[in-house]
Amino acid sequence: METVYIGLGSNLAEPGKQLRSALSAMERIPSTELLECSSFYRSAPVGPGDQPDYINAVAALKTALSPLALLDQLQSIELSHGRERSIRWGARTLDLDILLFGESQIDEPRLQVPHPRMAERNFVLLPLSELAPAMELPGLGALPALLQGCPENRLEKV
């Protein structure tokens, strides 16, 4: 079983409710256990500026699934929550990203782990630091140093 960290985000259709529902759905993924979830954070949107703020969190899972099998499960949850993939970085009902998959470094067309932009996103690093404050991120370095060097976008705990 691998420990996996999932980034959750939503800025449409009651974002807090979307995240709680996604966490409930993740509990039903086969061969997977939801361990814990960070606090929820409100953040400024990345991408087009004419969209509502996001609610973000990070969840820790244990899974026996392969990375791509887990990705398929997460994308199925996104679809069940009305996710549309029409605009890059556009508003969305639910976004579930595999941030870390054990110590793996994955570079495939459908999946890059560690998530390629996580070191630039305080709305990922701060919730992750709640769950694993001293973590070393494969190929990226120590979480405290990454958090200290991360751009400070508007972020507040909700």
N, C-alpha and C. Protein backbone atom coordinates (compact mmCIF):
# COMPACT_ATOMS: atom_id res chain seq x y z
N MET A 1 0.85 -1.19 0.00
CA MET A 1 0.00 0.00 0.00
C MET A 1 0.89 1.24 0.00
N GLU A 2 0.56 2.17 -0.86
CA GLU A 2 1.29 3.44 -0.96
C GLU A 2 0.51 4.55 -0.27
N THR A 3 1.22 5.48 0.32
CA THR A 3 0.59 6.70 0.82
C THR A 3 0.57 7.70 -0.32
N VAL A 4 -0.60 8.26 -0.55
CA VAL A 4 -0.84 9.16 -1.67
C VAL A 4 -1.47 10.44 -1.13
N TYR A 5 -1.08 11.56 -1.70
CA TYR A 5 -1.67 12.85 -1.33
C TYR A 5 -2.41 13.40 -2.54
N ILE A 6 -3.67 13.79 -2.29
CA ILE A 6 -4.56 14.27 -3.33
C ILE A 6 -4.90 15.73 -3.05
N GLY A 7 -4.73 16.59 -4.06
CA GLY A 7 -5.19 17.97 -3.96
C GLY A 7 -6.64 18.04 -4.40
N LEU A 8 -7.46 18.73 -3.60
CA LEU A 8 -8.87 18.92 -3.93
C LEU A 8 -9.13 20.40 -4.13
N GLY A 9 -9.93 20.75 -5.12
CA GLY A 9 -10.29 22.14 -5.34
C GLY A 9 -11.64 22.25 -6.01
N SER A 10 -12.35 23.34 -5.69
CA SER A 10 -13.64 23.62 -6.31
C SER A 10 -13.93 25.11 -6.19
N ASN A 11 -14.56 25.67 -7.22
CA ASN A 11 -15.02 27.04 -7.10
C ASN A 11 -16.41 27.24 -7.72
N LEU A 12 -17.14 26.17 -7.90
CA LEU A 12 -18.51 26.24 -8.42
C LEU A 12 -19.42 25.33 -7.61
N ALA A 13 -20.72 25.67 -7.59
CA ALA A 13 -21.75 24.79 -7.03
C ALA A 13 -21.45 24.39 -5.59
N GLU A 14 -21.33 25.40 -4.72
CA GLU A 14 -21.07 25.17 -3.29
C GLU A 14 -19.77 24.39 -3.08
N PRO A 15 -18.64 25.05 -3.27
CA PRO A 15 -17.33 24.37 -3.24
C PRO A 15 -17.07 23.53 -1.99
N GLY A 16 -17.42 24.02 -0.82
CA GLY A 16 -17.20 23.23 0.39
C GLY A 16 -17.97 21.93 0.36
N LYS A 17 -19.20 22.00 -0.12
CA LYS A 17 -20.03 20.80 -0.26
C LYS A 17 -19.42 19.84 -1.28
N GLN A 18 -18.89 20.38 -2.38
CA GLN A 18 -18.25 19.55 -3.41
C GLN A 18 -17.07 18.78 -2.81
N LEU A 19 -16.24 19.47 -2.00
CA LEU A 19 -15.07 18.81 -1.41
C LEU A 19 -15.49 17.73 -0.41
N ARG A 20 -16.49 18.03 0.42
CA ARG A 20 -16.96 17.01 1.38
C ARG A 20 -17.52 15.79 0.66
N SER A 21 -18.26 16.03 -0.42
CA SER A 21 -18.80 14.92 -1.21
C SER A 21 -17.69 14.11 -1.88
N ALA A 22 -16.67 14.80 -2.38
CA ALA A 22 -15.53 14.10 -3.00
C ALA A 22 -14.80 13.24 -1.97
N LEU A 23 -14.63 13.75 -0.76
CA LEU A 23 -13.97 12.96 0.29
C LEU A 23 -14.78 11.71 0.59
N SER A 24 -16.09 11.85 0.64
CA SER A 24 -16.96 10.69 0.86
C SER A 24 -16.81 9.68 -0.28
N ALA A 25 -16.74 10.17 -1.51
CA ALA A 25 -16.57 9.28 -2.67
C ALA A 25 -15.21 8.60 -2.64
N MET A 26 -14.17 9.31 -2.20
CA MET A 26 -12.84 8.69 -2.13
C MET A 26 -12.80 7.56 -1.11
N GLU A 27 -13.65 7.63 -0.08
CA GLU A 27 -13.72 6.53 0.89
C GLU A 27 -14.23 5.25 0.26
N ARG A 28 -14.89 5.35 -0.89
CA ARG A 28 -15.45 4.18 -1.56
C ARG A 28 -14.58 3.66 -2.70
N ILE A 29 -13.41 4.25 -2.92
CA ILE A 29 -12.50 3.75 -3.96
C ILE A 29 -11.99 2.38 -3.52
N PRO A 30 -12.06 1.37 -4.39
CA PRO A 30 -11.59 0.03 -4.01
C PRO A 30 -10.12 0.03 -3.60
N SER A 31 -9.79 -0.83 -2.64
CA SER A 31 -8.41 -1.04 -2.20
C SER A 31 -7.74 0.26 -1.74
N THR A 32 -8.55 1.18 -1.22
CA THR A 32 -8.05 2.50 -0.84
C THR A 32 -8.70 2.92 0.47
N GLU A 33 -7.91 3.58 1.32
CA GLU A 33 -8.40 4.07 2.60
C GLU A 33 -8.09 5.56 2.71
N LEU A 34 -9.11 6.35 3.04
CA LEU A 34 -8.92 7.78 3.31
C LEU A 34 -8.37 7.90 4.72
N LEU A 35 -7.16 8.45 4.86
CA LEU A 35 -6.52 8.56 6.16
C LEU A 35 -6.90 9.85 6.89
N GLU A 36 -6.78 10.98 6.20
CA GLU A 36 -7.10 12.27 6.82
C GLU A 36 -7.18 13.33 5.74
N CYS A 37 -7.74 14.47 6.15
CA CYS A 37 -7.86 15.61 5.25
C CYS A 37 -7.44 16.87 6.00
N SER A 38 -6.79 17.77 5.29
CA SER A 38 -6.39 19.05 5.86
C SER A 38 -7.62 19.92 6.11
N SER A 39 -7.37 21.08 6.69
CA SER A 39 -8.39 22.12 6.75
C SER A 39 -8.73 22.55 5.33
N PHE A 40 -9.86 23.21 5.17
CA PHE A 40 -10.22 23.81 3.89
C PHE A 40 -9.68 25.24 3.87
N TYR A 41 -9.23 25.67 2.68
CA TYR A 41 -8.67 27.01 2.49
C TYR A 41 -9.36 27.69 1.31
N ARG A 42 -9.63 28.98 1.46
CA ARG A 42 -10.13 29.80 0.35
C ARG A 42 -8.93 30.44 -0.33
N SER A 43 -8.87 30.34 -1.67
CA SER A 43 -7.73 30.89 -2.40
C SER A 43 -8.20 31.62 -3.65
N ALA A 44 -7.36 32.55 -4.10
CA ALA A 44 -7.62 33.25 -5.35
C ALA A 44 -7.48 32.27 -6.50
N PRO A 45 -8.27 32.44 -7.57
CA PRO A 45 -8.18 31.52 -8.70
C PRO A 45 -6.86 31.67 -9.46
N VAL A 46 -6.38 30.56 -10.00
CA VAL A 46 -5.24 30.55 -10.92
C VAL A 46 -5.83 30.52 -12.32
N GLY A 47 -5.33 31.34 -13.22
CA GLY A 47 -5.87 31.36 -14.57
C GLY A 47 -6.78 32.54 -14.78
N PRO A 48 -7.83 32.38 -15.61
CA PRO A 48 -8.73 33.49 -15.90
C PRO A 48 -9.25 34.14 -14.61
N GLY A 49 -9.15 35.47 -14.52
CA GLY A 49 -9.48 36.17 -13.28
C GLY A 49 -10.95 36.38 -13.04
N ASP A 50 -11.79 36.11 -14.02
CA ASP A 50 -13.22 36.36 -13.86
C ASP A 50 -13.96 35.12 -13.34
N GLN A 51 -13.40 34.51 -12.30
CA GLN A 51 -14.03 33.33 -11.72
C GLN A 51 -14.01 33.46 -10.20
N PRO A 52 -14.88 32.72 -9.52
CA PRO A 52 -14.94 32.81 -8.06
C PRO A 52 -13.70 32.22 -7.40
N ASP A 53 -13.52 32.57 -6.11
CA ASP A 53 -12.45 31.97 -5.32
C ASP A 53 -12.63 30.46 -5.24
N TYR A 54 -11.53 29.78 -4.99
CA TYR A 54 -11.53 28.33 -4.81
C TYR A 54 -11.58 27.97 -3.33
N ILE A 55 -12.08 26.80 -3.04
CA ILE A 55 -11.88 26.13 -1.76
C ILE A 55 -10.96 24.95 -2.07
N ASN A 56 -9.86 24.86 -1.31
CA ASN A 56 -8.84 23.82 -1.54
C ASN A 56 -8.56 23.05 -0.26
N ALA A 57 -8.09 21.83 -0.43
CA ALA A 57 -7.65 20.99 0.68
C ALA A 57 -6.72 19.92 0.12
N VAL A 58 -6.09 19.18 1.01
CA VAL A 58 -5.27 18.02 0.63
C VAL A 58 -5.71 16.84 1.49
N ALA A 59 -5.88 15.69 0.86
CA ALA A 59 -6.24 14.46 1.55
C ALA A 59 -5.11 13.45 1.43
N ALA A 60 -4.94 12.66 2.48
CA ALA A 60 -3.97 11.56 2.47
C ALA A 60 -4.75 10.24 2.35
N LEU A 61 -4.29 9.39 1.44
CA LEU A 61 -4.88 8.07 1.22
C LEU A 61 -3.81 7.00 1.34
N LYS A 62 -4.24 5.78 1.60
CA LYS A 62 -3.42 4.58 1.41
C LYS A 62 -4.11 3.79 0.32
N THR A 63 -3.36 3.34 -0.68
CA THR A 63 -3.99 2.60 -1.76
C THR A 63 -3.10 1.46 -2.25
N ALA A 64 -3.76 0.41 -2.71
CA ALA A 64 -3.07 -0.69 -3.39
C ALA A 64 -3.21 -0.54 -4.91
N LEU A 65 -3.93 0.48 -5.36
CA LEU A 65 -4.12 0.70 -6.79
C LEU A 65 -2.84 1.24 -7.42
N SER A 66 -2.70 1.02 -8.72
CA SER A 66 -1.60 1.64 -9.46
C SER A 66 -1.91 3.13 -9.61
N PRO A 67 -0.90 3.95 -9.91
CA PRO A 67 -1.17 5.37 -10.09
C PRO A 67 -2.24 5.67 -11.14
N LEU A 68 -2.19 5.00 -12.29
CA LEU A 68 -3.18 5.28 -13.34
C LEU A 68 -4.57 4.75 -12.98
N ALA A 69 -4.64 3.65 -12.26
CA ALA A 69 -5.94 3.15 -11.80
C ALA A 69 -6.56 4.12 -10.80
N LEU A 70 -5.73 4.69 -9.92
CA LEU A 70 -6.24 5.69 -8.98
C LEU A 70 -6.67 6.94 -9.73
N LEU A 71 -5.89 7.37 -10.71
CA LEU A 71 -6.27 8.52 -11.53
C LEU A 71 -7.63 8.30 -12.18
N ASP A 72 -7.86 7.11 -12.72
CA ASP A 72 -9.16 6.80 -13.34
C ASP A 72 -10.29 6.93 -12.32
N GLN A 73 -10.06 6.45 -11.10
CA GLN A 73 -11.08 6.56 -10.05
C GLN A 73 -11.36 8.02 -9.71
N LEU A 74 -10.31 8.82 -9.59
CA LEU A 74 -10.47 10.23 -9.25
C LEU A 74 -11.18 10.98 -10.38
N GLN A 75 -10.84 10.68 -11.62
CA GLN A 75 -11.51 11.35 -12.74
C GLN A 75 -12.98 10.95 -12.83
N SER A 76 -13.30 9.73 -12.43
CA SER A 76 -14.69 9.30 -12.38
C SER A 76 -15.45 10.10 -11.32
N ILE A 77 -14.82 10.35 -10.18
CA ILE A 77 -15.44 11.18 -9.13
C ILE A 77 -15.65 12.60 -9.65
N GLU A 78 -14.64 13.15 -10.34
CA GLU A 78 -14.79 14.49 -10.92
C GLU A 78 -16.00 14.55 -11.86
N LEU A 79 -16.11 13.57 -12.75
CA LEU A 79 -17.22 13.53 -13.70
C LEU A 79 -18.56 13.44 -12.99
N SER A 80 -18.63 12.65 -11.93
CA SER A 80 -19.89 12.50 -11.19
C SER A 80 -20.28 13.80 -10.48
N HIS A 81 -19.33 14.72 -10.34
CA HIS A 81 -19.59 16.02 -9.73
C HIS A 81 -19.74 17.12 -10.80
N GLY A 82 -19.89 16.73 -12.05
CA GLY A 82 -20.15 17.69 -13.11
C GLY A 82 -18.92 18.37 -13.68
N ARG A 83 -17.76 17.79 -13.50
CA ARG A 83 -16.52 18.39 -14.00
C ARG A 83 -16.52 18.42 -15.52
N GLU A 84 -16.21 19.59 -16.07
CA GLU A 84 -16.02 19.75 -17.52
C GLU A 84 -14.59 20.20 -17.74
N ARG A 85 -13.95 19.68 -18.76
CA ARG A 85 -12.54 20.00 -19.04
C ARG A 85 -12.43 20.85 -20.31
N SER A 86 -13.18 21.95 -20.37
CA SER A 86 -13.20 22.75 -21.60
C SER A 86 -12.18 23.89 -21.58
N ILE A 87 -11.93 24.50 -20.42
CA ILE A 87 -11.02 25.64 -20.33
C ILE A 87 -9.90 25.32 -19.35
N ARG A 88 -8.64 25.41 -19.82
CA ARG A 88 -7.50 25.17 -18.93
C ARG A 88 -7.52 26.20 -17.81
N TRP A 89 -7.43 25.74 -16.58
CA TRP A 89 -7.43 26.58 -15.38
C TRP A 89 -8.73 27.38 -15.23
N GLY A 90 -9.79 26.89 -15.87
CA GLY A 90 -11.08 27.56 -15.75
C GLY A 90 -11.80 27.11 -14.48
N ALA A 91 -12.94 27.75 -14.23
CA ALA A 91 -13.77 27.40 -13.08
C ALA A 91 -14.19 25.93 -13.17
N ARG A 92 -14.35 25.29 -12.02
CA ARG A 92 -14.71 23.88 -12.02
C ARG A 92 -15.45 23.49 -10.75
N THR A 93 -16.34 22.51 -10.93
CA THR A 93 -17.05 21.99 -9.77
C THR A 93 -16.13 21.19 -8.87
N LEU A 94 -15.18 20.47 -9.48
CA LEU A 94 -14.28 19.64 -8.68
C LEU A 94 -13.01 19.34 -9.46
N ASP A 95 -11.89 19.49 -8.79
CA ASP A 95 -10.59 19.15 -9.35
C ASP A 95 -9.88 18.27 -8.33
N LEU A 96 -9.49 17.07 -8.74
CA LEU A 96 -8.76 16.14 -7.88
C LEU A 96 -7.44 15.82 -8.56
N ASP A 97 -6.34 16.19 -7.92
CA ASP A 97 -5.01 15.97 -8.49
C ASP A 97 -4.19 15.06 -7.60
N ILE A 98 -3.53 14.06 -8.20
CA ILE A 98 -2.56 13.26 -7.46
C ILE A 98 -1.31 14.13 -7.33
N LEU A 99 -1.02 14.54 -6.11
CA LEU A 99 0.15 15.38 -5.84
C LEU A 99 1.39 14.52 -5.66
N LEU A 100 1.26 13.49 -4.84
CA LEU A 100 2.38 12.59 -4.50
C LEU A 100 1.84 11.17 -4.44
N PHE A 101 2.63 10.22 -4.91
CA PHE A 101 2.28 8.80 -4.88
C PHE A 101 3.46 8.07 -4.28
N GLY A 102 3.47 7.93 -2.94
CA GLY A 102 4.63 7.36 -2.26
C GLY A 102 5.86 8.17 -2.60
N GLU A 103 6.94 7.48 -2.92
CA GLU A 103 8.19 8.14 -3.32
C GLU A 103 8.34 8.19 -4.85
N SER A 104 7.29 7.80 -5.55
CA SER A 104 7.35 7.68 -7.01
C SER A 104 7.52 9.03 -7.70
N GLN A 105 8.28 8.98 -8.79
CA GLN A 105 8.34 10.08 -9.74
C GLN A 105 7.82 9.52 -11.05
N ILE A 106 6.72 10.08 -11.54
CA ILE A 106 6.02 9.55 -12.70
C ILE A 106 5.95 10.65 -13.75
N ASP A 107 6.29 10.30 -14.99
CA ASP A 107 6.18 11.25 -16.09
C ASP A 107 5.56 10.53 -17.28
N GLU A 108 4.24 10.51 -17.30
CA GLU A 108 3.48 9.87 -18.37
C GLU A 108 2.54 10.91 -18.96
N PRO A 109 2.04 10.68 -20.17
CA PRO A 109 1.15 11.67 -20.78
C PRO A 109 -0.05 12.05 -19.89
N ARG A 110 -0.62 11.10 -19.17
CA ARG A 110 -1.81 11.37 -18.36
C ARG A 110 -1.50 11.77 -16.93
N LEU A 111 -0.26 11.57 -16.48
CA LEU A 111 0.02 11.77 -15.06
C LEU A 111 1.48 12.13 -14.83
N GLN A 112 1.68 13.23 -14.12
CA GLN A 112 3.02 13.62 -13.67
C GLN A 112 2.99 13.73 -12.15
N VAL A 113 3.90 13.03 -11.50
CA VAL A 113 4.00 13.02 -10.04
C VAL A 113 5.47 13.12 -9.68
N PRO A 114 5.84 14.00 -8.74
CA PRO A 114 4.99 14.97 -8.06
C PRO A 114 4.30 15.90 -9.06
N HIS A 115 3.15 16.42 -8.63
CA HIS A 115 2.40 17.34 -9.49
C HIS A 115 3.33 18.46 -9.93
N PRO A 116 3.41 18.74 -11.24
CA PRO A 116 4.45 19.64 -11.76
C PRO A 116 4.42 21.08 -11.24
N ARG A 117 3.27 21.57 -10.78
CA ARG A 117 3.21 22.96 -10.32
C ARG A 117 2.97 23.09 -8.82
N MET A 118 3.05 21.99 -8.09
CA MET A 118 2.70 22.07 -6.67
C MET A 118 3.64 22.96 -5.87
N ALA A 119 4.91 23.05 -6.24
CA ALA A 119 5.87 23.86 -5.49
C ALA A 119 5.60 25.36 -5.64
N GLU A 120 4.76 25.73 -6.61
CA GLU A 120 4.42 27.14 -6.85
C GLU A 120 3.08 27.52 -6.23
N ARG A 121 2.44 26.61 -5.53
CA ARG A 121 1.05 26.84 -5.10
C ARG A 121 0.91 26.70 -3.59
N ASN A 122 0.76 27.85 -2.93
CA ASN A 122 0.59 27.80 -1.48
C ASN A 122 -0.71 27.11 -1.09
N PHE A 123 -1.71 27.11 -1.98
CA PHE A 123 -2.97 26.44 -1.66
C PHE A 123 -2.84 24.92 -1.71
N VAL A 124 -1.70 24.42 -2.17
CA VAL A 124 -1.37 22.99 -2.09
C VAL A 124 -0.39 22.75 -0.94
N LEU A 125 0.67 23.55 -0.88
CA LEU A 125 1.73 23.30 0.11
C LEU A 125 1.26 23.51 1.55
N LEU A 126 0.47 24.55 1.80
CA LEU A 126 0.05 24.81 3.18
C LEU A 126 -0.85 23.69 3.72
N PRO A 127 -1.90 23.28 2.98
CA PRO A 127 -2.68 22.14 3.48
C PRO A 127 -1.87 20.85 3.59
N LEU A 128 -0.95 20.62 2.65
CA LEU A 128 -0.08 19.44 2.73
C LEU A 128 0.77 19.49 3.99
N SER A 129 1.23 20.67 4.36
CA SER A 129 2.08 20.80 5.55
C SER A 129 1.31 20.50 6.83
N GLU A 130 -0.01 20.63 6.82
CA GLU A 130 -0.82 20.22 7.98
C GLU A 130 -0.73 18.71 8.19
N LEU A 131 -0.68 17.97 7.09
CA LEU A 131 -0.70 16.51 7.16
C LEU A 131 0.69 15.91 7.33
N ALA A 132 1.71 16.54 6.76
CA ALA A 132 3.07 16.00 6.77
C ALA A 132 4.07 17.15 6.84
N PRO A 133 4.20 17.80 8.00
CA PRO A 133 4.96 19.05 8.09
C PRO A 133 6.44 18.96 7.71
N ALA A 134 7.07 17.83 7.89
CA ALA A 134 8.51 17.73 7.61
C ALA A 134 8.81 16.91 6.35
N MET A 135 7.81 16.70 5.52
CA MET A 135 7.95 15.82 4.36
C MET A 135 9.03 16.29 3.39
N GLU A 136 9.71 15.30 2.80
CA GLU A 136 10.62 15.53 1.66
C GLU A 136 9.85 15.13 0.41
N LEU A 137 9.72 16.04 -0.53
CA LEU A 137 8.99 15.75 -1.77
C LEU A 137 9.97 15.24 -2.81
N PRO A 138 9.69 14.06 -3.39
CA PRO A 138 10.62 13.46 -4.36
C PRO A 138 10.98 14.43 -5.49
N GLY A 139 12.27 14.67 -5.62
CA GLY A 139 12.76 15.53 -6.69
C GLY A 139 12.57 17.02 -6.46
N LEU A 140 11.91 17.41 -5.36
CA LEU A 140 11.62 18.82 -5.11
C LEU A 140 12.28 19.37 -3.85
N GLY A 141 12.44 18.53 -2.82
CA GLY A 141 13.08 18.99 -1.60
C GLY A 141 12.14 18.99 -0.41
N ALA A 142 12.58 19.66 0.65
CA ALA A 142 11.86 19.68 1.91
C ALA A 142 10.64 20.60 1.83
N LEU A 143 9.51 20.11 2.33
CA LEU A 143 8.28 20.88 2.30
C LEU A 143 8.41 22.24 3.00
N PRO A 144 9.03 22.33 4.19
CA PRO A 144 9.14 23.65 4.82
C PRO A 144 9.88 24.67 3.94
N ALA A 145 10.94 24.24 3.27
CA ALA A 145 11.70 25.15 2.40
C ALA A 145 10.87 25.54 1.17
N LEU A 146 10.13 24.59 0.61
CA LEU A 146 9.28 24.89 -0.54
C LEU A 146 8.19 25.89 -0.15
N LEU A 147 7.61 25.69 1.02
CA LEU A 147 6.55 26.59 1.49
C LEU A 147 7.10 28.00 1.70
N GLN A 148 8.29 28.08 2.26
CA GLN A 148 8.91 29.38 2.52
C GLN A 148 9.20 30.12 1.21
N GLY A 149 9.58 29.40 0.16
CA GLY A 149 9.91 30.02 -1.11
C GLY A 149 8.74 30.17 -2.07
N CYS A 150 7.56 29.73 -1.65
CA CYS A 150 6.39 29.74 -2.53
C CYS A 150 5.80 31.14 -2.64
N PRO A 151 5.33 31.53 -3.84
CA PRO A 151 4.64 32.82 -3.97
C PRO A 151 3.45 32.89 -3.01
N GLU A 152 3.25 34.05 -2.42
CA GLU A 152 2.17 34.22 -1.45
C GLU A 152 0.92 34.74 -2.13
N ASN A 153 0.11 33.83 -2.62
CA ASN A 153 -1.19 34.19 -3.16
C ASN A 153 -2.17 34.28 -1.99
N ARG A 154 -3.26 35.01 -2.18
CA ARG A 154 -4.26 35.15 -1.12
C ARG A 154 -4.77 33.77 -0.71
N LEU A 155 -4.72 33.51 0.59
CA LEU A 155 -5.09 32.20 1.12
C LEU A 155 -5.58 32.37 2.54
N GLU A 156 -6.75 31.82 2.86
CA GLU A 156 -7.27 31.90 4.23
C GLU A 156 -7.98 30.60 4.59
N LYS A 157 -7.77 30.18 5.83
CA LYS A 157 -8.43 28.97 6.32
C LYS A 157 -9.92 29.27 6.50
N VAL A 158 -10.77 28.31 6.10
CA VAL A 158 -12.22 28.49 6.27
C VAL A 158 -12.79 27.44 7.20
